[in-house]
Protein backbone atom coordinates (compact mmCIF):
# COMPACT_ATOMS: atom_id res chain seq x y z
CA UNK A 1 105.65 81.41 2.88
CA UNK A 2 105.43 77.75 3.84
CA UNK A 3 108.93 76.27 4.00
CA UNK A 4 109.47 73.27 1.73
CA UNK A 5 110.26 70.04 3.50
CA UNK A 6 111.72 68.23 0.53
CA UNK A 7 113.43 69.42 -2.65
CA UNK A 8 113.47 66.94 -5.48
CA UNK A 9 116.06 66.84 -8.23
CA UNK A 10 114.12 69.07 -10.64
CA UNK A 11 112.22 71.37 -8.29
CA UNK A 12 111.38 74.71 -9.94
CA UNK A 13 112.33 77.80 -7.99
CA UNK A 14 111.00 81.36 -7.78
CA UNK A 15 113.17 84.42 -7.09
CA UNK A 16 113.40 85.26 -3.41
CA UNK A 17 112.10 81.93 -2.12
CA UNK A 18 113.83 80.73 1.04
CA UNK A 19 114.05 77.12 2.09
CA UNK A 20 114.93 76.26 5.69
CA UNK A 21 115.51 72.87 7.41
CA UNK A 22 114.94 71.25 4.05
CA UNK A 23 116.02 67.88 2.70
CA UNK A 24 117.91 68.81 -0.45
CA UNK A 25 118.40 66.08 -3.05
CA UNK A 26 120.22 66.18 -6.34
CA UNK A 27 123.67 67.66 -6.01
CA UNK A 28 124.70 66.13 -9.31
CA UNK A 29 127.89 64.13 -9.51
CA UNK A 30 129.18 61.84 -12.20
CA UNK A 31 127.79 58.70 -13.77
CA UNK A 32 129.23 55.61 -12.02
CA UNK A 33 129.34 53.73 -15.35
CA UNK A 34 131.68 56.43 -16.73
CA UNK A 35 133.96 56.42 -13.69
CA UNK A 36 137.02 54.25 -13.22
CA UNK A 37 135.59 50.86 -12.31
CA UNK A 38 137.65 47.99 -10.85
CA UNK A 39 136.33 44.51 -10.18
CA UNK A 40 138.29 42.10 -7.99
CA UNK A 41 137.66 38.85 -6.15
CA UNK A 42 138.07 38.56 -2.39
CA UNK A 43 137.46 35.22 -0.59
CA UNK A 44 135.46 34.09 -3.57
CA UNK A 45 133.29 37.22 -3.61
CA UNK A 46 133.30 39.78 -6.38
CA UNK A 47 134.11 43.33 -5.25
CA UNK A 48 133.50 46.39 -7.47
CA UNK A 49 135.01 49.78 -6.71
CA UNK A 50 134.47 53.12 -8.42
CA UNK A 51 136.34 56.45 -8.58
CA UNK A 52 135.32 59.78 -10.11
CA UNK A 53 133.50 63.11 -9.80
CA UNK A 54 131.07 63.34 -6.92
CA UNK A 55 130.17 67.03 -6.94
CA UNK A 56 131.27 70.47 -8.20
CA UNK A 57 131.54 73.66 -6.19
CA UNK A 58 130.68 77.23 -7.28
CA UNK A 59 128.95 75.96 -10.42
CA UNK A 60 125.25 75.77 -11.35
CA UNK A 61 124.33 72.11 -11.83
CA UNK A 62 121.59 70.75 -14.04
CA UNK A 63 119.15 70.84 -11.11
CA UNK A 64 119.61 74.64 -10.85
CA UNK A 65 121.55 74.52 -7.60
CA UNK A 66 124.81 76.14 -6.61
CA UNK A 67 126.91 74.79 -3.77
CA UNK A 68 129.49 77.37 -2.57
CA UNK A 69 133.04 75.99 -2.21
CA UNK A 70 133.38 77.05 1.44
CA UNK A 71 130.22 75.21 2.45
CA UNK A 72 131.21 72.02 0.61
CA UNK A 73 134.73 72.19 2.06
CA UNK A 74 133.45 72.32 5.62
CA UNK A 75 131.17 69.38 4.95
CA UNK A 76 133.93 67.42 3.23
CA UNK A 77 136.23 67.76 6.24
CA UNK A 78 133.53 66.35 8.47
CA UNK A 79 132.74 63.47 6.11
CA UNK A 80 136.44 62.58 5.76
CA UNK A 81 136.46 62.00 9.51
CA UNK A 82 133.35 59.84 9.18
CA UNK A 83 135.15 57.80 6.51
CA UNK A 84 138.16 57.33 8.79
CA UNK A 85 135.87 56.13 11.56
CA UNK A 86 134.50 53.27 9.50
CA UNK A 87 132.98 54.48 6.29
CA UNK A 88 130.29 56.61 4.79
CA UNK A 89 127.29 54.60 3.65
CA UNK A 90 125.19 55.47 0.60
CA UNK A 91 121.87 54.06 -0.55
CA UNK A 92 120.38 52.82 -3.75
CA UNK A 93 117.99 55.69 -4.65
CA UNK A 94 117.38 58.75 -2.52
CA UNK A 95 115.11 58.13 0.48
CA UNK A 96 112.67 60.88 1.41
CA UNK A 97 114.35 61.61 4.73
CA UNK A 98 117.80 62.38 6.11
CA UNK A 99 118.38 59.04 7.80
CA UNK A 100 120.86 56.47 6.47
CA UNK A 101 118.96 53.16 6.33
CA UNK A 102 121.32 50.20 6.54
CA UNK A 103 118.82 47.86 4.91
CA UNK A 104 118.99 50.06 1.78
CA UNK A 105 122.80 50.37 1.84
CA UNK A 106 124.38 49.73 -1.56
CA UNK A 107 127.85 51.24 -1.34
CA UNK A 108 130.44 52.74 0.96
CA UNK A 109 132.40 55.90 0.26
CA UNK A 110 136.05 55.26 1.12
CA UNK A 111 137.77 58.51 0.06
CA UNK A 112 136.99 62.15 -0.77
CA UNK A 113 139.35 64.82 -2.07
CA UNK A 114 139.41 68.04 -4.10
CA UNK A 115 140.68 68.49 -7.65
CA UNK A 116 140.21 72.23 -8.20
CA UNK A 117 136.52 72.84 -7.68
CA UNK A 118 135.65 69.21 -8.35
CA UNK A 119 134.94 67.01 -5.33
CA UNK A 120 136.30 63.59 -6.25
CA UNK A 121 135.52 60.33 -4.47
CA UNK A 122 136.11 56.64 -4.29
CA UNK A 123 133.76 53.92 -3.12
CA UNK A 124 133.06 50.22 -3.08
CA UNK A 125 129.84 48.45 -3.84
CA UNK A 126 128.71 46.41 -0.84
CA UNK A 127 127.78 42.75 -0.76
CA UNK A 128 124.24 43.60 0.33
CA UNK A 129 120.90 43.05 -1.46
CA UNK A 130 120.89 46.65 -2.72
CA UNK A 131 124.63 46.46 -3.53
CA UNK A 132 124.03 43.36 -5.65
CA UNK A 133 121.24 45.18 -7.47
CA UNK A 134 123.52 48.17 -8.08
CA UNK A 135 126.34 46.01 -9.40
CA UNK A 136 123.91 44.09 -11.60
CA UNK A 137 122.56 47.35 -13.06
CA UNK A 138 126.08 48.63 -13.78
CA UNK A 139 127.08 45.32 -15.40
CA UNK A 140 123.96 45.63 -17.58
CA UNK A 141 125.01 49.13 -18.70
CA UNK A 142 122.21 50.91 -16.85
CA UNK A 143 123.31 54.50 -16.23
CA UNK A 144 123.64 55.13 -12.51
CA UNK A 145 124.53 58.55 -11.10
CA UNK A 146 126.06 59.75 -7.85
CA UNK A 147 123.88 62.37 -6.16
CA UNK A 148 124.26 64.19 -2.85
CA UNK A 149 121.76 64.17 -0.03
CA UNK A 150 121.83 66.90 2.61
CA UNK A 151 119.77 69.03 4.96
CA UNK A 152 119.89 72.80 5.35
CA UNK A 153 118.79 76.09 3.90
CA UNK A 154 119.04 77.94 0.62
CA UNK A 155 117.77 81.04 -1.15
CA UNK A 156 116.77 81.48 -4.77
CA UNK A 157 118.66 84.26 -6.57
CA UNK A 158 117.41 86.53 -9.39
CA UNK A 159 118.45 83.92 -11.97
CA UNK A 160 116.22 81.27 -10.40
CA UNK A 161 119.21 79.38 -8.95
CA UNK A 162 119.00 77.92 -5.45
CA UNK A 163 122.17 78.96 -3.65
CA UNK A 164 122.83 76.54 -0.80
CA UNK A 165 123.16 78.28 2.59
CA UNK A 166 125.56 78.02 5.51
CA UNK A 167 123.44 75.63 7.59
CA UNK A 168 123.70 72.94 4.88
CA UNK A 169 124.80 69.53 6.21
CA UNK A 170 125.92 67.01 3.60
CA UNK A 171 124.77 63.58 4.73
CA UNK A 172 125.99 61.19 2.03
CA UNK A 173 126.07 60.39 -1.68
CA UNK A 174 123.42 58.02 -3.02
CA UNK A 175 123.30 55.98 -6.22
CA UNK A 176 120.37 57.13 -8.36
CA UNK A 177 118.84 56.26 -11.70
CA UNK A 178 118.79 58.61 -14.70
CA UNK A 179 117.39 61.82 -13.17
CA UNK A 180 115.00 62.37 -16.10
CA UNK A 181 113.01 59.33 -15.01
CA UNK A 182 113.95 59.01 -11.33
CA UNK A 183 112.92 62.54 -10.42
CA UNK A 184 109.55 62.27 -12.13
CA UNK A 185 108.74 58.99 -10.35
CA UNK A 186 109.90 60.26 -6.96
CA UNK A 187 107.88 63.44 -7.34
CA UNK A 188 104.68 61.42 -7.84
CA UNK A 189 105.40 59.31 -4.79
CA UNK A 190 106.27 62.28 -2.55
CA UNK A 191 103.41 64.39 -3.86
CA UNK A 192 101.01 61.58 -3.02
CA UNK A 193 102.45 61.28 0.49
CA UNK A 194 102.02 65.02 1.14
CA UNK A 195 98.57 65.09 -0.45
CA UNK A 196 97.43 62.35 1.95
CA UNK A 197 99.05 64.19 4.89
CA UNK A 198 97.52 67.55 3.90
CA UNK A 199 94.06 65.95 3.61
CA UNK A 200 94.55 64.31 7.00
CA UNK A 201 95.56 67.68 8.47
CA UNK A 202 92.52 69.33 6.92
CA UNK A 203 90.27 66.58 8.34
CA UNK A 204 91.82 66.99 11.77
CA UNK A 205 91.30 70.78 11.64
CA UNK A 206 87.72 70.29 10.48
CA UNK A 207 87.06 67.78 13.29
CA UNK A 208 88.50 70.16 15.87
CA UNK A 209 86.34 73.00 14.52
CA UNK A 210 83.20 70.80 14.61
CA UNK A 211 84.02 69.62 18.12
CA UNK A 212 84.62 73.19 19.24
CA UNK A 213 81.32 74.24 17.64
CA UNK A 214 79.52 71.40 19.42
CA UNK A 215 81.08 72.34 22.77
CA UNK A 216 80.05 75.97 22.21
CA UNK A 217 76.46 74.86 21.55
CA UNK A 218 76.40 72.73 24.69
CA UNK A 219 77.80 75.62 26.73
CA UNK A 220 75.13 77.94 25.34
CA UNK A 221 72.38 75.45 26.15
CA UNK A 222 73.71 75.01 29.69
CA UNK A 223 73.91 78.79 30.16
CA UNK A 224 70.35 79.29 28.94
CA UNK A 225 69.12 76.48 31.16
CA UNK A 226 70.84 78.03 34.16
CA UNK A 227 69.48 81.46 33.36
CA UNK A 228 66.02 79.98 32.89
CA UNK A 229 66.23 78.36 36.34
CA UNK A 230 67.36 81.61 37.95
CA UNK A 231 64.56 83.58 36.30
CA UNK A 232 61.91 81.03 37.42
CA UNK A 233 63.32 81.08 40.96
CA UNK A 234 63.20 84.89 41.10
CA UNK A 235 59.67 84.93 39.67
CA UNK A 236 58.55 82.47 42.35
CA UNK A 237 60.05 84.61 45.10
CA UNK A 238 58.31 87.74 43.76
CA UNK A 239 55.01 85.84 43.63
CA UNK A 240 55.38 84.72 47.29
CA UNK A 241 56.16 88.28 48.35
CA UNK A 242 52.97 89.53 46.77
């Protein structure tokens, strides 16, 4: 089976499927609008912070994924160290890779902790172009969710649930639009990207095959020409002997 390279928020799974080295999007958290929001002014600039649920362990989320507590705990410890070293950056919308792009940065995670099986978090919205867009959307009552982005493996169980595996590495938490519209749009974009790539791959394979076929034909022609020359030479020798 061909391993998936990207799992969108509403990817459908089949029992027994195994995903390896996969970008896994859509570990559902809370809605930022429904979190504790605080707006303050610092040096004449408005600063908005948020606090609430980021993720839940050992529970099936609406994207049919289950993140075991032990795996999330290991990742949380690592990310807490990242936060202490200067902050964990999140982006406005999920990118289609595992890299954190500073030009798309919209917020910074400043704290993570556990409340039972709920992974809680705090963050501030950055004074960046994407941060200003995010704050403007929140102020306009547009529902914005917190969603995890990570890379790793997972296997689909008999209930069609993708259970995240031990190699999973949580990268960050991004701010995303309502999944019902965001996922559909993203799927079209990513599908188009892979369709173009697949067609390119097919063209490359076809070109290689054609080139190989052409080389084979040239080799055959050369061989026949050589054999023809040898036969003529031998015939001439026989004629001279007679």
